[in-house]
Amino acid sequence: MLVSDFDFHLPEELIAQEPLLERSAARMLVLDRGTGGLKDDHFRNLLEHLRPGDVLALNNSRVFPARIFGHRSGQRAQRLSARNPASREFLKGRVEVLLTRQVAEYEWEALVRPGRKLGIGEVLRFEESESGSLLEAEIIECGRYGERKLRFRPQSDFFERLERLGHIPLPPYIHRADRWLDRERYQTVFARDRGSAAAPTAGLHFTPEILNQIRMKEVEIVEVTLHVGLGTFQPLREEVVEKNTLHRESYEITDWAADTINRALLDRRRVVGVGTTVVRTLEHSAQLGGDRIAPGKRETNIFIYPGFEFHIIGAMLTNFHLPRSSLLMLLCAFAGREHVLKAYDHAVGAGYRFFSYGDCMLVE
């Protein structure tokens, strides 16, 4: 199986650059994975597709301002009035760091660019002033493709400092700088546990009102936590699908969430996963728990592609994904490659908005 088998043509103008004024205003393409049938709908009508007794599983991970800019030790810091990370002037002479996963109290996995000349022992400083650096980190491990492990100088108010200088890590296909609005809109209304370097975007469409309506229909809502990192959005570099591996991401499932899902499975009720992060979390847990959800804190690098046998998920809500991506392969594993690519072709022709701030798709 080749990565190129999961390619499709996407006009640039269909890549959403801004969120809609209303979270729930997105269009929703409904795919019957059994027949391949398609229906154009809207997310606000999601309730019509849910059944009493369903369990709706959400990812409550919270995005933090994980994108920070600094300079190498010994390099003179530039004090610029414009804080626009999309401008060439801002980026000139600076080091860009995307924190992707916390591995110890002050240690982080990160993507660093330009990373070629930054080796072990190099010190990076962020927003230096007369009183010193707001944050300072040493590179302690080097990986490929700009991956580094950083050890930050201990600060009791580390995250407060990060909130002051960090930027919301909008994906690279959004061709603008982040704004204060993104701190609210690139975040689900049920986000709680800080730790994601990218939003679980299928959850961005929900509002408190829609969640209350879902509960009133006797649909149970559970939350799990998977902190989105490189495992979700790093490109696949090997052309043969099976030769690729994903990075590890941390997740947690509470006893209550596990019990709720396991009861639904015993009763043959449907588990609806909101987003690929939820699907990966629950299916990995099922691999460890004998086809039932095992509670606890773990890590996963599960890579789901066609041929995978699903044990938990009966339906899923997801945004539209990048060509040749692991997320598109997961969707194809669930609904069939031909059905999914046909649906994507329909979505392109019908002018659906793609990716993080775009429209969504319900696969039943």
Protein backbone atom coordinates (compact mmCIF):
# COMPACT_ATOMS: atom_id res chain seq x y z
CA MET A 1 0.00 0.00 0.00
CA LEU A 2 1.41 3.39 -1.05
CA VAL A 3 1.00 6.81 0.53
CA SER A 4 0.22 8.16 -2.94
CA ASP A 5 -2.92 5.97 -2.95
CA PHE A 6 -4.38 8.47 -0.48
CA ASP A 7 -3.89 11.59 -2.56
CA PHE A 8 -6.59 13.89 -3.90
CA HIS A 9 -6.76 17.27 -5.62
CA LEU A 10 -7.64 20.19 -3.36
CA PRO A 11 -7.90 23.76 -4.67
CA GLU A 12 -6.05 26.20 -2.42
CA GLU A 13 -9.12 28.39 -2.03
CA LEU A 14 -10.99 25.62 -0.17
CA ILE A 15 -8.50 25.63 2.72
CA ALA A 16 -10.25 27.57 5.50
CA GLN A 17 -8.15 30.47 6.79
CA GLU A 18 -10.65 31.80 9.34
CA PRO A 19 -13.20 30.27 11.71
CA LEU A 20 -16.86 30.79 10.96
CA LEU A 21 -18.69 33.46 12.97
CA GLU A 22 -20.71 30.72 14.68
CA ARG A 23 -19.07 27.48 15.77
CA SER A 24 -22.06 25.33 14.81
CA ALA A 25 -22.54 26.88 11.34
CA ALA A 26 -20.26 24.38 9.58
CA ARG A 27 -21.57 22.18 6.80
CA MET A 28 -21.51 18.44 7.45
CA LEU A 29 -21.16 15.74 4.80
CA VAL A 30 -22.76 12.49 5.97
CA LEU A 31 -21.23 9.27 4.64
CA ASP A 32 -22.88 5.86 4.97
CA ARG A 33 -19.83 3.62 5.21
CA GLY A 34 -21.87 0.56 4.31
CA THR A 35 -23.24 1.82 1.00
CA GLY A 36 -21.04 4.82 0.24
CA GLY A 37 -24.14 7.02 0.13
CA LEU A 38 -23.66 10.75 0.70
CA LYS A 39 -25.89 13.47 2.12
CA ASP A 40 -25.17 17.20 2.40
CA ASP A 41 -26.18 18.51 5.81
CA HIS A 42 -25.12 20.96 8.54
CA PHE A 43 -23.44 20.31 11.85
CA ARG A 44 -26.32 21.95 13.73
CA ASN A 45 -28.39 18.92 12.63
CA LEU A 46 -26.00 16.41 14.25
CA LEU A 47 -28.66 15.57 16.82
CA GLU A 48 -30.83 14.06 14.08
CA HIS A 49 -28.09 11.48 13.40
CA LEU A 50 -27.56 10.45 17.02
CA ARG A 51 -29.58 7.68 18.66
CA PRO A 52 -30.77 7.40 22.27
CA GLY A 53 -28.21 5.26 24.05
CA ASP A 54 -25.27 6.42 21.92
CA VAL A 55 -22.07 7.38 23.71
CA LEU A 56 -20.42 10.50 22.29
CA ALA A 57 -16.70 10.57 23.09
CA LEU A 58 -14.85 13.93 23.13
CA ASN A 59 -11.19 14.88 23.53
CA ASN A 60 -10.91 17.54 26.25
CA SER A 61 -7.23 18.35 25.70
CA ARG A 62 -6.47 22.08 25.76
CA VAL A 63 -4.24 23.81 23.22
CA PHE A 64 -1.57 26.02 24.78
CA PRO A 65 0.55 28.75 23.10
CA ALA A 66 3.20 26.23 22.09
CA ARG A 67 4.91 28.30 19.37
CA ILE A 68 7.68 30.50 20.74
CA PHE A 69 10.43 32.57 19.16
CA GLY A 70 13.89 33.20 20.55
CA HIS A 71 17.54 33.40 19.63
CA ARG A 72 20.72 31.42 20.14
CA SER A 73 22.93 32.12 23.11
CA GLY A 74 25.52 34.70 22.16
CA GLN A 75 23.38 36.05 19.36
CA ARG A 76 22.14 39.55 19.89
CA ALA A 77 18.41 39.65 20.53
CA GLN A 78 16.29 41.74 18.19
CA ARG A 79 13.67 43.89 19.83
CA LEU A 80 10.87 44.32 17.33
CA SER A 81 7.71 46.28 17.91
CA ALA A 82 5.59 44.13 15.59
CA ARG A 83 4.79 40.68 17.03
CA ASN A 84 3.80 39.17 13.71
CA PRO A 85 5.41 35.74 13.32
CA ALA A 86 4.32 35.59 9.69
CA SER A 87 6.51 38.56 8.73
CA ARG A 88 10.01 38.05 7.35
CA GLU A 89 11.34 40.85 9.53
CA PHE A 90 10.07 39.15 12.66
CA LEU A 91 11.59 35.79 11.69
CA LYS A 92 14.99 37.16 10.60
CA GLY A 93 17.70 35.81 12.86
CA ARG A 94 15.21 34.13 15.15
CA VAL A 95 14.74 30.53 16.23
CA GLU A 96 11.20 29.15 16.03
CA VAL A 97 10.26 26.44 18.53
CA LEU A 98 7.06 24.38 18.53
CA LEU A 99 6.67 22.50 21.80
CA THR A 100 5.00 19.18 20.98
CA ARG A 101 5.12 17.00 24.10
CA GLN A 102 6.16 17.41 27.72
CA VAL A 103 8.26 14.45 28.84
CA ALA A 104 9.39 15.70 32.29
CA GLU A 105 8.73 18.72 34.48
CA TYR A 106 10.94 21.05 32.44
CA GLU A 107 11.77 18.84 29.47
CA TRP A 108 9.95 19.00 26.14
CA GLU A 109 10.06 17.41 22.75
CA ALA A 110 9.96 20.15 20.12
CA LEU A 111 10.37 21.07 16.49
CA VAL A 112 13.06 23.69 16.04
CA ARG A 113 13.85 25.71 12.94
CA PRO A 114 16.26 26.48 11.55
CA GLY A 115 17.48 23.34 13.29
CA ARG A 116 20.41 22.24 11.15
CA LYS A 117 23.02 24.24 13.08
CA LEU A 118 21.48 23.80 16.52
CA GLY A 119 23.12 20.88 18.31
CA ILE A 120 23.34 19.43 21.80
CA GLY A 121 24.41 22.00 24.36
CA GLU A 122 23.09 24.99 22.43
CA VAL A 123 21.14 27.40 24.63
CA LEU A 124 18.05 29.18 23.36
CA ARG A 125 16.73 32.33 24.99
CA PHE A 126 13.26 33.74 24.63
CA GLU A 127 12.29 37.42 24.93
CA GLU A 128 15.39 38.71 26.66
CA SER A 129 15.29 41.99 28.58
CA GLU A 130 17.46 43.87 31.05
CA SER A 131 16.21 41.57 33.81
CA GLY A 132 17.12 38.42 31.84
CA SER A 133 15.35 35.91 29.60
CA LEU A 134 11.69 35.20 30.11
CA LEU A 135 12.48 31.56 29.29
CA GLU A 136 15.72 29.75 28.55
CA ALA A 137 16.27 26.21 27.26
CA GLU A 138 19.21 23.92 26.47
CA ILE A 139 19.11 21.37 23.66
CA ILE A 140 19.82 17.98 25.24
CA GLU A 141 18.93 15.61 22.36
CA CYS A 142 18.80 15.89 18.58
CA GLY A 143 16.55 14.02 16.20
CA ARG A 144 15.85 14.17 12.48
CA TYR A 145 13.80 16.77 10.64
CA GLY A 146 14.31 19.51 13.23
CA GLU A 147 13.21 17.42 16.22
CA ARG A 148 14.93 18.34 19.48
CA LYS A 149 14.54 17.69 23.18
CA LEU A 150 14.80 20.84 25.29
CA ARG A 151 15.45 21.29 29.00
CA PHE A 152 14.12 24.62 30.26
CA ARG A 153 15.60 26.52 33.15
CA PRO A 154 13.27 25.82 36.09
CA GLN A 155 10.65 28.52 36.64
CA SER A 156 7.84 28.17 39.13
CA ASP A 157 5.65 30.24 36.81
CA PHE A 158 6.75 28.47 33.61
CA PHE A 159 3.30 28.28 32.03
CA GLU A 160 2.45 31.86 32.97
CA ARG A 161 5.59 32.98 31.14
CA LEU A 162 4.70 30.76 28.20
CA GLU A 163 1.25 32.34 28.03
CA ARG A 164 2.88 35.78 27.84
CA LEU A 165 5.29 35.08 24.98
CA GLY A 166 3.81 32.10 23.15
CA HIS A 167 1.67 32.01 20.02
CA ILE A 168 -1.25 29.71 19.23
CA PRO A 169 0.25 27.02 16.96
CA LEU A 170 -1.94 27.44 13.91
CA PRO A 171 -1.11 24.83 11.25
CA PRO A 172 1.15 25.90 8.36
CA TYR A 173 -1.66 25.81 5.80
CA ILE A 174 -3.25 28.80 7.58
CA HIS A 175 -1.29 31.59 5.93
CA ARG A 176 -1.55 34.29 8.54
CA ALA A 177 -0.29 35.10 12.00
CA ASP A 178 -2.30 33.98 14.99
CA ARG A 179 -4.55 36.53 16.66
CA TRP A 180 -6.15 36.80 20.10
CA LEU A 181 -9.37 35.45 18.57
CA ASP A 182 -7.56 32.18 17.86
CA ARG A 183 -6.97 31.66 21.59
CA GLU A 184 -10.71 31.16 21.87
CA ARG A 185 -11.67 29.68 18.50
CA TYR A 186 -8.75 27.24 18.07
CA GLN A 187 -10.02 25.64 21.26
CA THR A 188 -13.05 23.48 22.01
CA VAL A 189 -15.64 24.76 24.48
CA PHE A 190 -14.98 21.66 26.62
CA ALA A 191 -11.15 21.95 26.64
CA ARG A 192 -9.67 21.38 30.09
CA ASP A 193 -6.33 19.62 30.35
CA ARG A 194 -3.49 21.71 28.89
CA GLY A 195 -1.07 19.89 26.62
CA SER A 196 -1.94 19.97 22.90
CA ALA A 197 0.15 21.56 20.16
CA ALA A 198 -2.84 21.37 17.78
CA ALA A 199 -6.58 21.42 18.33
CA PRO A 200 -8.72 18.27 18.16
CA THR A 201 -10.56 20.05 15.39
CA ALA A 202 -13.70 17.91 15.08
CA GLY A 203 -14.68 19.24 18.50
CA LEU A 204 -14.45 22.90 17.45
CA HIS A 205 -18.03 22.87 16.10
CA PHE A 206 -19.73 22.11 19.42
CA THR A 207 -21.41 24.75 21.58
CA PRO A 208 -22.70 24.40 25.15
CA GLU A 209 -26.25 24.57 23.79
CA ILE A 210 -25.72 21.70 21.36
CA LEU A 211 -24.07 19.59 24.06
CA ASN A 212 -27.10 20.15 26.32
CA GLN A 213 -29.46 19.15 23.49
CA ILE A 214 -27.47 15.96 22.96
CA ARG A 215 -27.72 15.05 26.64
CA MET A 216 -31.48 15.65 26.56
CA LYS A 217 -31.75 13.04 23.79
CA GLU A 218 -30.36 10.47 26.24
CA VAL A 219 -26.98 10.37 24.56
CA GLU A 220 -24.18 9.93 27.09
CA ILE A 221 -21.14 12.19 26.71
CA VAL A 222 -17.73 11.06 27.91
CA GLU A 223 -14.41 12.84 27.76
CA VAL A 224 -10.96 11.40 27.20
CA THR A 225 -7.67 13.27 26.93
CA LEU A 226 -5.12 12.87 24.18
CA HIS A 227 -2.55 15.64 23.94
CA VAL A 228 -2.08 16.29 20.24
CA GLY A 229 1.56 16.32 19.17
CA LEU A 230 3.73 15.11 16.31
CA GLY A 231 1.92 11.79 16.10
CA THR A 232 -1.13 13.55 14.72
CA PHE A 233 0.27 16.01 12.17
CA GLN A 234 3.82 14.99 11.21
CA PRO A 235 3.97 14.05 7.50
CA LEU A 236 4.60 10.46 6.44
CA ARG A 237 8.09 10.27 4.92
CA GLU A 238 8.14 6.68 3.59
CA GLU A 239 6.16 6.00 0.40
CA VAL A 240 5.20 2.51 1.54
CA VAL A 241 2.49 3.04 4.16
CA GLU A 242 3.52 0.14 6.38
CA LYS A 243 7.09 1.46 6.74
CA ASN A 244 5.93 4.60 8.54
CA THR A 245 5.68 5.02 12.30
CA LEU A 246 4.07 7.82 14.28
CA HIS A 247 5.44 9.73 17.24
CA ARG A 248 4.18 8.99 20.72
CA GLU A 249 1.39 11.03 22.27
CA SER A 250 0.12 10.96 25.85
CA TYR A 251 -3.47 10.12 26.76
CA GLU A 252 -5.67 9.48 29.78
CA ILE A 253 -8.99 7.68 30.21
CA THR A 254 -10.82 7.94 33.52
CA ASP A 255 -12.49 5.01 35.24
CA TRP A 256 -15.90 6.59 34.63
CA ALA A 257 -15.30 7.08 30.92
CA ALA A 258 -14.01 3.53 30.55
CA ASP A 259 -17.00 2.09 32.45
CA THR A 260 -19.49 4.13 30.41
CA ILE A 261 -18.04 2.98 27.08
CA ASN A 262 -17.68 -0.63 28.19
CA ARG A 263 -21.33 -0.74 29.30
CA ALA A 264 -22.36 0.60 25.90
CA LEU A 265 -20.35 -2.10 24.15
CA LEU A 266 -21.97 -4.82 26.29
CA ASP A 267 -25.40 -3.39 25.45
CA ARG A 268 -24.48 -3.17 21.74
CA ARG A 269 -24.94 0.58 21.81
CA ARG A 270 -22.95 2.80 19.48
CA VAL A 271 -19.79 4.72 20.45
CA VAL A 272 -19.40 7.86 18.35
CA GLY A 273 -15.84 9.18 18.30
CA VAL A 274 -15.43 12.93 17.84
CA GLY A 275 -12.18 13.25 15.93
CA THR A 276 -9.33 10.98 15.00
CA THR A 277 -7.62 11.62 18.35
CA VAL A 278 -10.53 10.01 20.18
CA VAL A 279 -10.56 7.09 17.75
CA ARG A 280 -6.83 6.49 18.22
CA THR A 281 -7.13 6.76 22.01
CA LEU A 282 -10.01 4.30 22.35
CA GLU A 283 -8.77 1.78 19.82
CA HIS A 284 -5.31 1.73 21.40
CA SER A 285 -6.84 1.24 24.83
CA ALA A 286 -8.92 -1.65 23.46
CA GLN A 287 -5.76 -3.33 22.19
CA LEU A 288 -4.46 -3.32 25.75
CA GLY A 289 -7.75 -4.22 27.41
CA GLY A 290 -8.91 -7.20 25.39
CA ASP A 291 -11.37 -5.30 23.19
CA ARG A 292 -12.60 -3.28 26.16
CA ILE A 293 -11.49 0.14 27.35
CA ALA A 294 -8.72 0.09 29.94
CA PRO A 295 -8.59 3.24 32.13
CA GLY A 296 -5.35 4.98 33.00
CA LYS A 297 -2.56 7.20 31.68
CA ARG A 298 -0.58 5.87 28.74
CA GLU A 299 1.23 6.75 25.53
CA THR A 300 0.36 5.66 22.02
CA ASN A 301 1.89 5.76 18.57
CA ILE A 302 -0.91 3.68 17.06
CA PHE A 303 -1.03 4.00 13.26
CA ILE A 304 -4.42 3.08 11.80
CA TYR A 305 -4.65 2.41 8.07
CA PRO A 306 -6.79 0.13 5.87
CA GLY A 307 -6.85 -3.41 7.17
CA PHE A 308 -7.20 -2.28 10.80
CA GLU A 309 -9.99 -3.96 12.77
CA PHE A 310 -12.03 -1.50 14.85
CA HIS A 311 -13.36 -2.76 18.19
CA ILE A 312 -14.84 0.36 19.78
CA ILE A 313 -15.90 3.01 17.32
CA GLY A 314 -19.29 2.66 15.60
CA ALA A 315 -19.45 6.12 14.02
CA MET A 316 -17.17 9.13 13.88
CA LEU A 317 -17.31 12.86 13.35
CA THR A 318 -14.21 14.34 11.78
CA ASN A 319 -12.98 17.33 9.83
CA PHE A 320 -11.53 16.96 6.32
CA HIS A 321 -7.88 15.89 6.34
CA LEU A 322 -4.76 16.59 4.31
CA PRO A 323 -3.91 14.44 1.31
CA ARG A 324 -1.47 11.59 2.01
CA SER A 325 -1.86 12.00 5.78
CA SER A 326 -2.14 9.39 8.52
CA LEU A 327 -5.49 10.91 9.50
CA LEU A 328 -6.94 10.37 6.04
CA MET A 329 -5.70 6.77 6.19
CA LEU A 330 -7.48 6.27 9.51
CA LEU A 331 -10.71 7.50 7.95
CA CYS A 332 -10.20 5.18 4.97
CA ALA A 333 -9.64 2.28 7.35
CA PHE A 334 -13.01 3.01 8.97
CA ALA A 335 -15.14 3.75 5.91
CA GLY A 336 -13.24 2.27 2.96
CA ARG A 337 -10.77 4.06 0.72
CA GLU A 338 -13.07 4.23 -2.30
CA HIS A 339 -15.99 5.58 -0.27
CA VAL A 340 -13.82 8.21 1.41
CA LEU A 341 -12.09 9.46 -1.73
CA LYS A 342 -15.45 9.62 -3.49
CA ALA A 343 -16.79 11.68 -0.57
CA TYR A 344 -13.77 14.00 -0.70
CA ASP A 345 -14.26 14.45 -4.44
CA HIS A 346 -17.88 15.39 -3.74
CA ALA A 347 -16.81 17.79 -0.98
CA VAL A 348 -14.35 19.54 -3.30
CA GLY A 349 -16.98 19.88 -6.03
CA ALA A 350 -19.54 21.19 -3.54
CA GLY A 351 -17.15 23.77 -2.11
CA TYR A 352 -16.78 22.42 1.41
CA ARG A 353 -14.18 24.19 3.57
CA PHE A 354 -11.19 22.00 4.46
CA PHE A 355 -8.93 21.34 7.44
CA SER A 356 -8.82 22.84 10.96
CA TYR A 357 -11.21 25.77 10.59
CA GLY A 358 -13.24 23.99 7.90
CA ASP A 359 -16.40 21.90 7.66
CA CYS A 360 -16.91 18.38 8.99
CA MET A 361 -17.94 14.90 8.00
CA LEU A 362 -20.05 12.33 9.84
CA VAL A 363 -19.33 8.68 9.02
CA GLU A 364 -22.06 6.29 10.13
